[in-house]
């Protein structure tokens, strides 16, 4: 099942992003991202289903929160997304 990872540089930022999305009815769990997606293995990620990305980004923009990077996962591989 395809999904997006919204990367954050800190746990606090990831928690805030997750909170904004959950309050908007968008399932968004935060966790440590897979190795190789972040510099020096630091940061956190918020997972959002592929069909909810637009709504999620709108909520984050309104909340003044924005991910540092966005990755799309499908078919066993991650690819960075530029928006």
C-alpha atoms as a PDB file:
ATOM      1  CA  UNK A   1       0.000   0.000   0.000  1.00  0.00           C
ATOM      2  CA  UNK A   2       1.574   3.331  -1.050  1.00  0.00           C
ATOM      3  CA  UNK A   3       2.103   6.097   1.494  1.00  0.00           C
ATOM      4  CA  UNK A   4       4.071   9.293   2.129  1.00  0.00           C
ATOM      5  CA  UNK A   5       6.630  10.025   4.811  1.00  0.00           C
ATOM      6  CA  UNK A   6       6.812  13.633   5.945  1.00  0.00           C
ATOM      7  CA  UNK A   7      10.236  14.141   7.508  1.00  0.00           C
ATOM      8  CA  UNK A   8      10.950  16.393  10.435  1.00  0.00           C
ATOM      9  CA  UNK A   9      14.219  17.388  12.072  1.00  0.00           C
ATOM     10  CA  UNK A  10      12.952  16.909  15.643  1.00  0.00           C
ATOM     11  CA  UNK A  11      10.544  14.805  17.626  1.00  0.00           C
ATOM     12  CA  UNK A  12       8.713  17.930  18.789  1.00  0.00           C
ATOM     13  CA  UNK A  13       8.052  19.054  15.226  1.00  0.00           C
ATOM     14  CA  UNK A  14       6.894  15.548  14.257  1.00  0.00           C
ATOM     15  CA  UNK A  15       4.578  15.403  17.279  1.00  0.00           C
ATOM     16  CA  UNK A  16       3.073  18.753  16.353  1.00  0.00           C
ATOM     17  CA  UNK A  17       2.574  17.720  12.727  1.00  0.00           C
ATOM     18  CA  UNK A  18       0.966  14.464  13.841  1.00  0.00           C
ATOM     19  CA  UNK A  19      -1.303  16.308  16.288  1.00  0.00           C
ATOM     20  CA  UNK A  20      -2.524  18.787  13.674  1.00  0.00           C
ATOM     21  CA  UNK A  21      -3.268  15.986  11.229  1.00  0.00           C
ATOM     22  CA  UNK A  22      -4.992  13.740  13.796  1.00  0.00           C
ATOM     23  CA  UNK A  23      -7.244  16.635  14.895  1.00  0.00           C
ATOM     24  CA  UNK A  24      -8.188  17.093  11.228  1.00  0.00           C
ATOM     25  CA  UNK A  25      -9.174  13.424  11.004  1.00  0.00           C
ATOM     26  CA  UNK A  26      -6.065  12.317   9.091  1.00  0.00           C
ATOM     27  CA  UNK A  27      -4.314   9.273  10.543  1.00  0.00           C
ATOM     28  CA  UNK A  28      -0.686  10.284  11.047  1.00  0.00           C
ATOM     29  CA  UNK A  29       1.710   8.365  13.274  1.00  0.00           C
ATOM     30  CA  UNK A  30       5.237   9.584  13.922  1.00  0.00           C
ATOM     31  CA  UNK A  31       8.334   7.407  14.258  1.00  0.00           C
ATOM     32  CA  UNK A  32      12.015   7.194  13.341  1.00  0.00           C
ATOM     33  CA  UNK A  33      12.415   7.062   9.558  1.00  0.00           C
ATOM     34  CA  UNK A  34      14.220   4.232   7.785  1.00  0.00           C
ATOM     35  CA  UNK A  35      17.994   4.506   7.557  1.00  0.00           C
ATOM     36  CA  UNK A  36      19.176   6.414   4.522  1.00  0.00           C
ATOM     37  CA  UNK A  37      16.290   8.884   4.314  1.00  0.00           C
ATOM     38  CA  UNK A  38      17.806  11.395   6.720  1.00  0.00           C
ATOM     39  CA  UNK A  39      21.219  12.942   7.203  1.00  0.00           C
ATOM     40  CA  UNK A  40      23.225  11.196   9.910  1.00  0.00           C
ATOM     41  CA  UNK A  41      20.201   9.129  10.988  1.00  0.00           C
ATOM     42  CA  UNK A  42      18.549  11.993  12.828  1.00  0.00           C
ATOM     43  CA  UNK A  43      14.979  13.161  12.584  1.00  0.00           C
ATOM     44  CA  UNK A  44      11.498  11.730  12.672  1.00  0.00           C
ATOM     45  CA  UNK A  45       8.826  10.929  10.126  1.00  0.00           C
ATOM     46  CA  UNK A  46       5.048  11.203   9.980  1.00  0.00           C
ATOM     47  CA  UNK A  47       3.326   8.592   7.820  1.00  0.00           C
ATOM     48  CA  UNK A  48       0.313   9.674   5.752  1.00  0.00           C
ATOM     49  CA  UNK A  49      -1.681   7.497   3.356  1.00  0.00           C
ATOM     50  CA  UNK A  50      -1.229   8.318  -0.314  1.00  0.00           C
ATOM     51  CA  UNK A  51      -4.822   9.438  -0.769  1.00  0.00           C
ATOM     52  CA  UNK A  52      -4.586  11.982   2.093  1.00  0.00           C
ATOM     53  CA  UNK A  53      -1.416  13.877   1.121  1.00  0.00           C
ATOM     54  CA  UNK A  54      -3.140  16.969  -0.307  1.00  0.00           C
ATOM     55  CA  UNK A  55      -5.386  17.358   2.729  1.00  0.00           C
ATOM     56  CA  UNK A  56      -2.442  16.733   5.060  1.00  0.00           C
ATOM     57  CA  UNK A  57      -0.257  19.373   3.423  1.00  0.00           C
ATOM     58  CA  UNK A  58      -3.111  21.875   3.515  1.00  0.00           C
ATOM     59  CA  UNK A  59      -3.580  21.284   7.255  1.00  0.00           C
ATOM     60  CA  UNK A  60       0.153  21.570   7.906  1.00  0.00           C
ATOM     61  CA  UNK A  61       0.380  24.797   5.914  1.00  0.00           C
ATOM     62  CA  UNK A  62      -2.524  26.264   7.900  1.00  0.00           C
ATOM     63  CA  UNK A  63      -0.876  25.133  11.136  1.00  0.00           C
ATOM     64  CA  UNK A  64       2.438  26.765  10.244  1.00  0.00           C
ATOM     65  CA  UNK A  65       4.208  23.400  10.093  1.00  0.00           C
ATOM     66  CA  UNK A  66       5.986  22.021   7.071  1.00  0.00           C
ATOM     67  CA  UNK A  67       8.055  18.858   6.618  1.00  0.00           C
ATOM     68  CA  UNK A  68      11.745  19.161   5.806  1.00  0.00           C
ATOM     69  CA  UNK A  69      11.414  16.474   3.092  1.00  0.00           C
ATOM     70  CA  UNK A  70       8.668  14.291   1.654  1.00  0.00           C
ATOM     71  CA  UNK A  71       9.144  10.719   0.444  1.00  0.00           C
ATOM     72  CA  UNK A  72       6.733   8.483  -1.448  1.00  0.00           C
ATOM     73  CA  UNK A  73       6.803   4.735  -0.802  1.00  0.00           C
ATOM     74  CA  UNK A  74       5.482   2.229  -3.323  1.00  0.00           C
ATOM     75  CA  UNK A  75       6.745  -1.098  -4.572  1.00  0.00           C
ATOM     76  CA  UNK A  76       9.397  -1.458  -1.891  1.00  0.00           C
ATOM     77  CA  UNK A  77      11.268   1.772  -2.660  1.00  0.00           C
ATOM     78  CA  UNK A  78      11.256   5.390  -1.476  1.00  0.00           C
ATOM     79  CA  UNK A  79      11.486   8.360  -3.811  1.00  0.00           C
ATOM     80  CA  UNK A  80      11.792  11.981  -2.757  1.00  0.00           C
ATOM     81  CA  UNK A  81       8.924  14.271  -3.729  1.00  0.00           C
ATOM     82  CA  UNK A  82       9.315  17.985  -4.408  1.00  0.00           C
ATOM     83  CA  UNK A  83       6.297  20.195  -3.907  1.00  0.00           C
END
